[in-house]
Protein backbone atom coordinates (compact mmCIF):
# COMPACT_ATOMS: atom_id res chain seq x y z
CA MET A 1 -14.17 -48.43 -19.08
CA LYS A 2 -10.79 -47.58 -17.38
CA VAL A 3 -11.34 -45.54 -14.04
CA GLY A 4 -8.20 -43.77 -12.73
CA PHE A 5 -6.98 -43.40 -8.99
CA ALA A 6 -8.80 -39.96 -8.72
CA ARG A 7 -11.93 -41.53 -9.70
CA LEU A 8 -11.97 -44.39 -6.99
CA LEU A 9 -11.38 -41.69 -4.74
CA VAL A 10 -14.63 -39.64 -5.48
CA ILE A 11 -16.76 -42.91 -5.35
CA VAL A 12 -15.30 -43.46 -1.88
CA ILE A 13 -16.30 -40.23 -0.94
CA PHE A 14 -19.96 -40.88 -2.74
CA GLY A 15 -20.47 -43.78 -0.25
CA ILE A 16 -19.87 -41.47 2.74
CA PHE A 17 -22.50 -38.67 1.50
CA SER A 18 -24.76 -41.94 0.16
CA THR A 19 -26.84 -41.99 3.95
CA GLN A 20 -27.18 -38.27 3.61
CA ALA A 21 -28.55 -38.44 0.20
CA LEU A 22 -31.24 -41.24 1.44
CA TYR A 23 -32.32 -39.11 4.17
CA ALA A 24 -32.54 -35.82 2.05
CA GLU A 25 -34.91 -37.62 -0.26
CA GLU A 26 -36.99 -38.67 2.56
CA SER A 27 -37.19 -35.31 3.88
CA ALA A 28 -38.36 -33.35 0.79
CA GLU A 29 -40.30 -34.26 -2.35
CA GLU A 30 -37.93 -32.24 -4.88
CA PRO A 31 -34.27 -32.32 -2.91
CA LYS A 32 -31.85 -29.71 -4.44
CA PRO A 33 -28.74 -31.15 -5.98
CA GLY A 34 -26.28 -31.52 -3.66
CA THR A 35 -22.26 -31.65 -3.58
CA TYR A 36 -22.34 -35.32 -4.15
CA ASN A 37 -24.37 -34.65 -7.51
CA LYS A 38 -21.42 -32.53 -8.55
CA LEU A 39 -18.64 -34.65 -7.76
CA LYS A 40 -20.50 -37.43 -9.61
CA VAL A 41 -20.60 -35.35 -12.88
CA PHE A 42 -16.91 -34.50 -12.29
CA SER A 43 -16.04 -38.34 -11.95
CA GLU A 44 -18.09 -38.54 -15.29
CA ILE A 45 -15.94 -36.09 -16.82
CA LEU A 46 -12.62 -37.41 -15.56
CA SER A 47 -13.33 -40.51 -16.87
CA LEU A 48 -14.75 -39.44 -20.48
CA ILE A 49 -11.38 -37.40 -20.64
CA GLU A 50 -9.14 -40.08 -19.57
CA SER A 51 -10.48 -42.57 -22.21
CA ASN A 52 -11.49 -40.42 -25.18
CA TYR A 53 -9.25 -37.00 -25.31
CA VAL A 54 -7.04 -36.84 -28.17
CA GLU A 55 -3.70 -37.25 -26.54
CA PRO A 56 -3.28 -38.94 -23.24
CA VAL A 57 -3.73 -36.77 -20.44
CA GLY A 58 -2.14 -37.52 -16.55
CA SER A 59 -4.59 -37.83 -13.74
CA ASP A 60 -2.37 -35.37 -12.11
CA THR A 61 -2.16 -32.69 -14.62
CA MET A 62 -6.19 -32.54 -14.51
CA ILE A 63 -6.73 -32.47 -10.95
CA ASP A 64 -4.36 -29.85 -10.57
CA GLY A 65 -6.30 -28.24 -13.06
CA ALA A 66 -9.58 -28.90 -11.34
CA ILE A 67 -8.14 -27.26 -8.23
CA LYS A 68 -6.94 -24.19 -9.86
CA GLY A 69 -10.25 -23.67 -11.44
CA MET A 70 -11.99 -24.45 -8.13
CA VAL A 71 -10.29 -21.83 -6.41
CA LYS A 72 -10.21 -19.41 -9.49
CA ALA A 73 -14.30 -19.43 -8.80
CA LEU A 74 -13.46 -17.34 -5.40
CA ASP A 75 -11.48 -13.96 -4.86
CA PRO A 76 -8.11 -13.12 -6.71
CA HIS A 77 -6.07 -13.87 -3.47
CA THR A 78 -7.43 -17.29 -3.12
CA SER A 79 -5.04 -19.41 -4.93
CA TYR A 80 -3.48 -23.13 -5.21
CA LEU A 81 -0.01 -23.12 -4.86
CA PRO A 82 1.90 -26.27 -6.00
CA PRO A 83 5.11 -27.11 -4.32
CA GLU A 84 7.48 -25.03 -6.43
CA SER A 85 5.12 -22.05 -6.18
CA TYR A 86 4.88 -22.40 -2.04
CA LYS A 87 8.82 -22.63 -1.99
CA GLU A 88 9.10 -19.28 -3.80
CA MET A 89 6.21 -17.69 -1.83
CA GLN A 90 8.23 -18.28 1.41
CA VAL A 91 10.96 -16.36 0.47
CA GLU A 92 8.82 -13.21 -0.16
CA THR A 93 8.85 -11.93 3.35
CA THR A 94 12.58 -12.35 3.84
CA GLY A 95 13.42 -9.01 2.50
CA LYS A 96 15.41 -10.28 -0.56
CA PHE A 97 14.08 -12.08 -3.34
CA GLY A 98 14.64 -12.30 -6.93
CA GLY A 99 12.37 -10.54 -9.45
CA LEU A 100 11.28 -7.32 -11.08
CA GLY A 101 10.06 -5.35 -7.68
CA ILE A 102 6.58 -4.76 -8.19
CA GLU A 103 3.38 -5.90 -6.11
CA ILE A 104 0.63 -7.07 -8.33
CA SER A 105 -2.94 -8.05 -7.92
CA ILE A 106 -5.99 -8.71 -9.94
CA ARG A 107 -8.68 -5.80 -10.17
CA ASP A 108 -11.67 -6.22 -12.12
CA GLY A 109 -10.37 -9.48 -13.68
CA VAL A 110 -7.40 -7.48 -15.03
CA LEU A 111 -3.60 -8.20 -13.68
CA THR A 112 -2.69 -4.76 -12.23
CA VAL A 113 0.32 -3.34 -10.57
CA VAL A 114 -0.45 -2.09 -6.93
CA SER A 115 2.98 -0.36 -6.86
CA PRO A 116 6.26 -0.83 -7.65
CA ILE A 117 9.23 -0.92 -5.09
CA GLU A 118 11.36 2.29 -5.28
CA GLU A 119 15.13 1.53 -6.52
CA THR A 120 14.41 -1.92 -8.01
CA PRO A 121 14.20 -2.68 -12.23
CA ALA A 122 10.60 -2.18 -12.61
CA PHE A 123 10.80 1.11 -10.76
CA LYS A 124 13.13 2.37 -12.77
CA VAL A 125 12.01 1.53 -16.34
CA GLY A 126 8.88 3.57 -15.09
CA ILE A 127 6.32 1.23 -14.05
CA LYS A 128 3.64 2.93 -12.13
CA PRO A 129 0.75 1.99 -9.47
CA GLY A 130 -2.67 1.03 -11.76
CA ASP A 131 -0.57 -0.16 -14.71
CA LYS A 132 -2.57 -2.59 -16.31
CA ILE A 133 -0.12 -5.97 -17.36
CA ILE A 134 -1.95 -7.49 -20.53
CA LYS A 135 0.89 -9.79 -21.46
CA ILE A 136 3.92 -11.19 -20.07
CA GLU A 137 6.23 -12.30 -23.17
CA ASP A 138 3.84 -13.25 -25.88
CA GLU A 139 1.36 -14.71 -23.19
CA SER A 140 -2.24 -12.65 -22.55
CA THR A 141 -2.60 -12.45 -19.00
CA LEU A 142 -6.33 -12.57 -19.38
CA ASP A 143 -7.42 -15.69 -16.99
CA MET A 144 -4.35 -16.19 -15.49
CA THR A 145 -3.86 -16.63 -11.59
CA LEU A 146 -1.96 -14.54 -9.59
CA GLN A 147 0.44 -17.28 -8.72
CA ASP A 148 0.98 -18.43 -12.52
CA ALA A 149 1.85 -14.34 -13.16
CA VAL A 150 4.35 -14.65 -10.33
CA SER A 151 6.46 -17.43 -11.62
CA ARG A 152 6.36 -15.91 -15.09
CA LEU A 153 7.67 -12.30 -13.84
CA ARG A 154 10.32 -14.38 -11.85
CA GLY A 155 13.48 -15.97 -13.10
CA GLU A 156 17.01 -16.03 -12.98
CA THR A 157 18.94 -12.68 -11.96
CA GLY A 158 20.30 -10.80 -15.10
CA SER A 159 17.58 -12.37 -17.46
CA PRO A 160 15.40 -10.05 -19.09
CA VAL A 161 11.32 -10.29 -19.30
CA ASN A 162 9.10 -8.35 -21.63
CA ILE A 163 6.06 -6.97 -20.13
CA THR A 164 2.93 -5.18 -22.09
CA ILE A 165 1.46 -2.48 -20.07
CA PHE A 166 -1.66 -0.19 -20.72
CA ARG A 167 -2.09 2.76 -18.91
CA GLU A 168 -4.69 5.11 -18.82
CA SER A 169 -2.58 8.00 -20.43
CA PHE A 170 -1.15 5.75 -23.15
CA LYS A 171 -3.02 5.59 -26.52
CA ALA A 172 -1.78 2.00 -27.24
CA PRO A 173 -0.27 -0.55 -24.94
CA LYS A 174 3.66 -0.27 -24.38
CA GLU A 175 5.88 -3.08 -24.04
CA PHE A 176 8.59 -3.01 -21.22
CA THR A 177 11.84 -4.63 -21.05
CA ILE A 178 12.93 -5.21 -17.51
CA VAL A 179 16.08 -7.08 -16.27
CA ARG A 180 15.40 -9.06 -13.00
CA ASP A 181 17.46 -8.53 -10.36
CA ILE A 182 17.95 -9.56 -6.79
CA ILE A 183 15.24 -7.47 -4.87
CA LYS A 184 16.68 -6.33 -1.59
CA VAL A 185 13.96 -4.17 0.29
CA ARG A 186 15.42 -1.44 2.46
CA SER A 187 12.04 -0.66 4.25
CA VAL A 188 12.56 2.42 6.35
CA ILE A 189 14.43 5.72 5.07
CA LYS A 190 14.69 8.87 6.80
CA LYS A 191 15.08 12.25 5.98
CA LEU A 192 15.12 16.05 7.64
CA TYR A 193 13.03 19.06 6.20
CA LYS A 194 12.90 22.84 7.53
CA LYS A 195 15.20 21.80 10.15
CA ASP A 196 12.66 20.12 12.83
CA ILE A 197 10.12 18.04 10.66
CA GLY A 198 11.04 14.67 10.32
CA TYR A 199 10.26 12.32 6.95
CA ILE A 200 10.08 8.57 7.28
CA LYS A 201 8.92 6.54 4.25
CA ILE A 202 8.00 2.90 5.10
CA ARG A 203 8.27 0.71 1.47
CA SER A 204 7.18 -2.29 2.64
CA PHE A 205 6.39 -4.08 6.10
CA SER A 206 8.87 -6.88 6.44
CA LYS A 207 10.24 -8.57 9.41
CA ASN A 208 12.43 -5.76 10.50
CA THR A 209 10.25 -2.81 9.81
CA SER A 210 9.68 -2.09 13.04
CA ALA A 211 13.32 -2.20 14.48
CA ASP A 212 14.06 -0.17 11.46
CA LEU A 213 11.62 2.28 12.23
CA ASP A 214 12.49 2.77 15.57
CA LYS A 215 16.19 3.57 14.60
CA ALA A 216 15.07 6.38 12.40
CA LEU A 217 12.68 8.08 15.01
CA SER A 218 16.00 7.91 17.26
CA ASP A 219 18.28 9.31 14.87
CA LEU A 220 15.81 12.03 13.79
CA GLU A 221 15.15 12.75 17.55
CA LYS A 222 18.54 13.70 17.82
CA GLU A 223 18.18 16.03 15.21
CA GLY A 224 15.55 17.83 17.13
CA ILE A 225 12.04 17.17 15.10
CA SER A 226 9.13 18.37 16.68
CA LYS A 227 6.97 17.03 13.77
CA LEU A 228 6.70 14.17 11.06
CA ILE A 229 5.52 12.71 8.33
CA LEU A 230 4.81 9.09 7.56
CA ASP A 231 5.04 8.11 3.75
CA LEU A 232 3.18 5.47 3.24
CA ARG A 233 2.56 5.86 -0.73
CA ASN A 234 2.90 2.79 -3.06
CA ASN A 235 3.53 0.84 -0.14
CA PRO A 236 2.15 -2.82 -1.07
CA GLY A 237 2.17 -4.21 2.50
CA GLY A 238 3.47 -7.06 4.20
CA LEU A 239 3.32 -8.92 7.52
CA LEU A 240 0.53 -7.77 9.78
CA ASN A 241 2.44 -8.06 12.90
CA GLN A 242 4.64 -5.49 11.69
CA ALA A 243 1.68 -2.87 10.70
CA VAL A 244 0.54 -3.20 14.34
CA GLU A 245 3.84 -2.65 15.60
CA VAL A 246 4.23 0.09 13.73
CA THR A 247 0.84 1.89 14.34
CA ASP A 248 1.93 1.03 18.32
CA ARG A 249 5.28 3.43 17.91
CA PHE A 250 2.50 6.50 17.58
CA LEU A 251 0.10 5.49 20.59
CA ASN A 252 0.68 6.05 23.98
CA ARG A 253 -1.85 3.95 25.52
CA GLU A 254 -3.68 0.89 24.83
CA ASN A 255 -6.11 1.18 21.61
CA LEU A 256 -7.61 -1.30 19.07
CA ILE A 257 -5.55 -1.25 16.06
CA VAL A 258 -7.08 -3.61 13.64
CA TYR A 259 -9.45 -6.44 13.87
CA THR A 260 -10.66 -9.29 11.69
CA LYS A 261 -13.96 -11.03 11.03
CA GLY A 262 -14.38 -14.55 9.29
CA ARG A 263 -16.79 -16.98 9.00
CA SER A 264 -15.34 -19.25 12.30
CA GLU A 265 -14.48 -17.83 15.70
CA GLU A 266 -10.94 -18.54 15.10
CA GLN A 267 -10.53 -15.85 12.27
CA ASN A 268 -11.71 -13.09 14.63
CA MET A 269 -9.03 -11.41 16.02
CA ARG A 270 -8.41 -8.13 17.71
CA PHE A 271 -4.84 -6.49 17.40
CA THR A 272 -4.20 -3.82 19.96
CA SER A 273 -1.32 -1.21 21.06
CA HIS A 274 0.04 -1.85 24.38
CA ASP A 275 2.18 0.65 26.86
CA LYS A 276 5.39 -1.16 26.97
CA VAL A 277 7.22 1.54 24.90
CA ALA A 278 5.94 5.08 24.76
CA GLY A 279 4.86 6.01 21.41
CA VAL A 280 6.22 9.35 19.83
CA SER A 281 3.77 12.13 20.26
CA TYR A 282 5.04 14.43 17.50
CA PRO A 283 2.22 15.91 14.98
CA LEU A 284 1.84 13.66 12.56
CA ILE A 285 0.77 13.39 8.71
CA ILE A 286 0.55 10.18 6.77
CA MET A 287 0.90 10.04 2.95
CA VAL A 288 -0.91 7.43 0.98
CA ASN A 289 -2.15 6.84 -2.66
CA GLY A 290 -3.39 4.08 -4.77
CA GLY A 291 -0.45 2.00 -4.07
CA SER A 292 -1.17 1.94 -0.44
CA ALA A 293 -2.44 -1.57 0.31
CA SER A 294 -2.83 -4.12 2.81
CA ALA A 295 -0.96 -3.45 5.99
CA SER A 296 -0.13 0.29 4.97
CA GLU A 297 -3.87 0.52 4.95
CA ILE A 298 -4.15 -0.85 8.33
CA VAL A 299 -1.63 1.41 9.82
CA ALA A 300 -3.32 4.85 8.08
CA GLY A 301 -7.07 3.60 8.76
CA ALA A 302 -6.18 2.97 12.69
CA LEU A 303 -4.17 6.18 13.34
CA GLN A 304 -6.84 8.08 11.01
CA ASP A 305 -9.87 6.52 13.40
CA LEU A 306 -7.98 7.41 16.56
CA ASN A 307 -7.39 10.94 15.58
CA ARG A 308 -3.71 10.61 15.89
CA ALA A 309 -2.68 11.85 12.32
CA VAL A 310 -3.94 13.80 9.42
CA ILE A 311 -4.02 11.56 6.13
CA LEU A 312 -3.02 13.08 2.84
CA GLY A 313 -3.00 11.78 -0.93
CA THR A 314 -5.31 10.00 -2.63
CA PRO A 315 -7.64 7.15 -1.85
CA THR A 316 -5.99 3.60 -1.05
CA PHE A 317 -6.11 0.66 -2.89
CA GLY A 318 -8.49 -1.00 -1.09
CA LYS A 319 -7.05 -4.52 0.06
CA GLY A 320 -8.36 -5.49 3.05
CA SER A 321 -8.69 -9.27 3.17
CA VAL A 322 -6.91 -11.99 4.85
CA GLN A 323 -5.38 -14.97 3.57
CA THR A 324 -4.40 -17.92 5.42
CA ILE A 325 -1.51 -20.39 4.15
CA ILE A 326 -2.41 -24.13 4.57
CA PRO A 327 -0.01 -26.35 4.14
CA LEU A 328 -1.19 -29.56 2.29
CA SER A 329 0.23 -33.50 2.52
CA ASP A 330 2.15 -33.29 -0.83
CA GLY A 331 4.34 -30.49 -0.15
CA SER A 332 1.56 -27.72 -1.92
CA ALA A 333 -0.40 -25.29 0.22
CA LEU A 334 -3.72 -23.50 -0.15
CA ARG A 335 -3.65 -19.70 -0.03
CA LEU A 336 -7.04 -19.10 1.33
CA THR A 337 -8.98 -15.83 1.88
CA THR A 338 -10.48 -16.31 5.65
CA ALA A 339 -11.64 -13.06 6.73
CA ARG A 340 -11.73 -9.20 6.40
CA TYR A 341 -9.57 -6.32 7.89
CA TYR A 342 -11.54 -3.69 9.85
CA THR A 343 -10.49 -0.26 11.31
CA PRO A 344 -11.15 0.44 14.92
CA SER A 345 -14.28 2.26 14.37
CA GLY A 346 -15.66 -0.58 11.95
CA ARG A 347 -14.59 0.62 8.62
CA VAL A 348 -14.44 -1.97 5.77
CA ILE A 349 -10.71 -1.31 4.31
CA GLN A 350 -11.61 -4.36 1.25
CA GLU A 351 -12.54 -2.71 -1.84
CA ASN A 352 -13.06 0.66 -0.13
CA GLY A 353 -9.75 1.62 0.97
CA ILE A 354 -9.05 4.57 3.09
CA GLU A 355 -9.95 8.11 2.20
CA PRO A 356 -7.36 10.82 3.04
CA ASP A 357 -8.45 13.62 5.13
CA ILE A 358 -6.92 15.98 2.85
CA ILE A 359 -7.09 15.19 -1.14
CA ILE A 360 -4.21 15.98 -3.37
CA GLU A 361 -3.78 14.60 -6.38
CA ARG A 362 0.26 14.03 -7.24
CA THR A 363 1.65 16.28 -10.06
CA ALA A 364 3.20 14.32 -12.85
CA ALA A 365 6.89 14.88 -13.11
CA ASP A 366 6.72 15.80 -16.77
CA GLU A 367 3.92 18.28 -16.15
CA LEU A 368 6.36 19.77 -13.27
CA GLU A 369 9.23 19.93 -15.94
CA LYS A 370 6.87 22.15 -18.46
CA GLU A 371 6.21 24.58 -15.59
CA GLU A 372 9.83 24.95 -15.00
CA GLU A 373 10.57 25.33 -18.74
CA LYS A 374 7.98 28.03 -18.92
CA GLU A 375 9.60 29.81 -15.95
CA GLU A 376 13.29 29.54 -17.15
CA GLU A 377 12.39 32.91 -19.34
CA SER A 378 11.82 34.62 -15.87
CA LYS A 379 14.13 33.04 -13.51
CA GLU A 380 16.86 35.89 -13.46
CA LYS A 381 14.01 38.34 -12.81
CA THR A 382 12.69 35.97 -10.16
CA ARG A 383 16.16 35.71 -8.50
CA LEU A 384 16.65 39.42 -8.50
CA ARG A 385 13.17 40.21 -6.75
CA ARG A 386 13.85 37.53 -4.14
CA PHE A 387 16.73 40.27 -2.97
CA LEU A 388 15.21 43.39 -3.43
CA ARG A 389 13.27 44.93 -0.91
CA GLU A 390 11.44 48.25 0.05
CA LYS A 391 14.76 49.55 1.21
CA ASP A 392 16.63 49.02 -2.16
CA LEU A 393 14.28 51.59 -3.80
CA LYS A 394 15.14 54.92 -4.68
CA LYS A 395 14.08 57.76 -2.43
CA HIS A 396 12.25 54.99 0.00
CA LEU A 397 10.69 55.93 3.01
CA LYS A 398 13.40 54.92 6.02
CA GLY A 399 11.66 52.70 8.62
CA LYS A 400 11.50 53.46 12.16
CA THR A 401 11.04 51.30 15.21
CA SER A 402 8.07 51.37 17.37
CA ILE A 403 10.36 52.64 20.55
CA GLY A 404 12.61 55.63 20.06
CA ASP A 405 12.62 56.37 16.54
CA VAL A 406 15.56 54.33 15.55
CA GLU A 407 16.02 52.77 12.18
CA GLN A 408 15.77 49.36 11.78
CA GLU A 409 19.11 47.43 11.47
CA ASN A 410 19.69 45.25 8.50
CA GLU A 411 17.63 42.17 9.91
CA VAL A 412 16.08 41.62 6.95
CA GLU A 413 19.23 41.02 5.08
CA LYS A 414 20.40 38.63 7.80
CA THR A 415 16.69 37.01 7.37
CA ASP A 416 17.18 36.69 3.60
CA LYS A 417 20.45 35.04 3.89
CA GLU A 418 19.39 32.21 6.39
CA GLU A 419 16.12 31.63 4.27
CA GLU A 420 18.10 31.30 1.06
CA ALA A 421 20.24 28.92 2.83
CA ALA A 422 17.23 26.86 4.04
CA GLU A 423 16.04 26.94 0.59
CA ASN A 424 19.02 25.61 -1.13
CA ALA A 425 19.17 22.77 1.60
CA THR A 426 15.87 21.67 0.47
CA ASN A 427 16.02 18.61 -1.49
CA GLU A 428 15.53 18.30 -4.89
CA ASP A 429 12.82 15.37 -4.16
CA LEU A 430 10.84 18.04 -2.09
CA GLN A 431 10.80 20.31 -5.12
CA LYS A 432 9.15 17.72 -7.34
CA ASP A 433 6.70 16.40 -5.01
CA ASN A 434 3.69 18.42 -4.55
CA GLN A 435 2.03 16.05 -2.20
CA LEU A 436 5.15 16.35 0.05
CA GLN A 437 5.37 20.11 -0.46
CA GLN A 438 2.02 20.23 1.13
CA ALA A 439 2.63 18.05 3.77
CA VAL A 440 5.71 19.91 4.65
CA SER A 441 3.79 23.25 4.28
CA LEU A 442 1.03 22.07 6.53
CA LEU A 443 3.51 20.91 9.50
CA SER A 444 5.45 24.25 9.01
CA GLY A 445 2.63 26.13 10.16
CA TRP A 446 1.09 23.67 12.52
CA GLU A 447 2.33 25.90 15.83
CA VAL A 448 0.71 29.17 14.28
CA MET A 449 -2.30 27.30 13.85
CA LYS A 450 -2.19 25.67 17.18
CA LYS A 451 -1.76 29.39 18.90
CA MET A 452 -4.77 30.79 16.55
CA PHE A 453 -7.09 28.02 17.50
CA LYS A 454 -6.00 27.92 21.07
CA ASN A 455 -6.89 31.95 21.47
CA LEU A 456 -10.15 31.47 19.02
CA GLN A 457 -13.62 31.71 21.02
CA ILE A 458 -16.65 30.48 19.80
CA PRO A 459 -20.00 32.18 20.70
CA THR A 460 -22.23 29.88 22.18
CA ALA A 461 -26.26 30.28 22.42
CA ASP A 462 -25.70 32.24 25.56
CA ALA A 463 -24.12 35.40 24.29
CA ASN A 464 -22.52 36.59 27.59
CA SER A 465 -20.63 32.56 27.80
CA GLN A 466 -17.75 31.88 25.50
CA ILE A 467 -15.56 28.52 24.90
CA SER A 468 -12.20 28.33 24.29
CA MET A 469 -10.61 25.64 21.73
CA LYS A 470 -8.00 23.93 23.22
């Protein structure tokens, strides 16, 4: 019988384990099958395939297949990267790469979209977080590894790829044709609402994210902001060090941000903030949803635990595991899950995700459009009501000030014009994003609520003593 190189290698391994096997048999009457027993079976199968399979098969092909099958028995994020795939993976964190613009994962055995990156081909055709990719071209994704899926989705710029999507709102799967493009990730964008509410969206955590955040904060500070919204919705994650740096920007003293725990001591790490740069102290709301994963969950979880931010939106994805890339001798690599992430209070991010303090479901754009259509008939009447006041009614009672019985001046008219100007300046995205509307509304009333709680007195067991909230 022909014996290949791979089998010879396995036989050498058997020799290493033979002494251990002898001691095991002496120390126990009924020894359990060990690793060497399974390697023996592997060697037998390899030899049988080489000799009897209907067509000749190279030993390299079979060994690669065996390795892929072995790592597939672990979690979805552990994978074997052949040399070509390893090179592709190395460009993912540079902020510029070819593809569709989606972060994918395997959830419950199904290839799932974590989130599309805004302004990319996938985002423009309507791919959404939670979409199940059941086919790539005509090939089923069932049992397809994450790395295989990535390889099939990427290709030459300008070339189309067909993916079949199933969504809970679909009656049947739907095919989308997406044209591949160079994905340039602009990780940070900023806006201003209500004159003093800053808005920063972090799309992903790439190598320049913390520097881009610093610039955005500086620009908004010049515009006079006193409150801030940090939008991490549909942020698939990225570099751990950038998540730590971003969190550090909102803390003013040394705090634990995140820690990891694995099987070996070298995998147990702690990441803390530092006081080299004074963090911003604005009242902060962080927006998250099911597309917020990994690094974005670290930021939200840490600032929530440290009572530094209010988390608003829907529960996050729950990807809280650490992958270590281990290069191998032939230019390939093993992407191995080696630890879990924990928030400062000890919460496990993996599978659980981050639960918002205020849960607000996102209203679909088509539902908002229907509401707008219903209100179209009374639009003119509503507009008129906005400008009509008590003073416009016939025979209205004249108003007096509390001092001197002097009629009020036309301050109302002046205020109306200012409010109208502010409303007209409100961006269209704010009008169509109910979660963002809620965040802006909460921060708009921040000072009012702060004054109320400051003056509120809570009775204690002693009726004569009171405590003021600060």
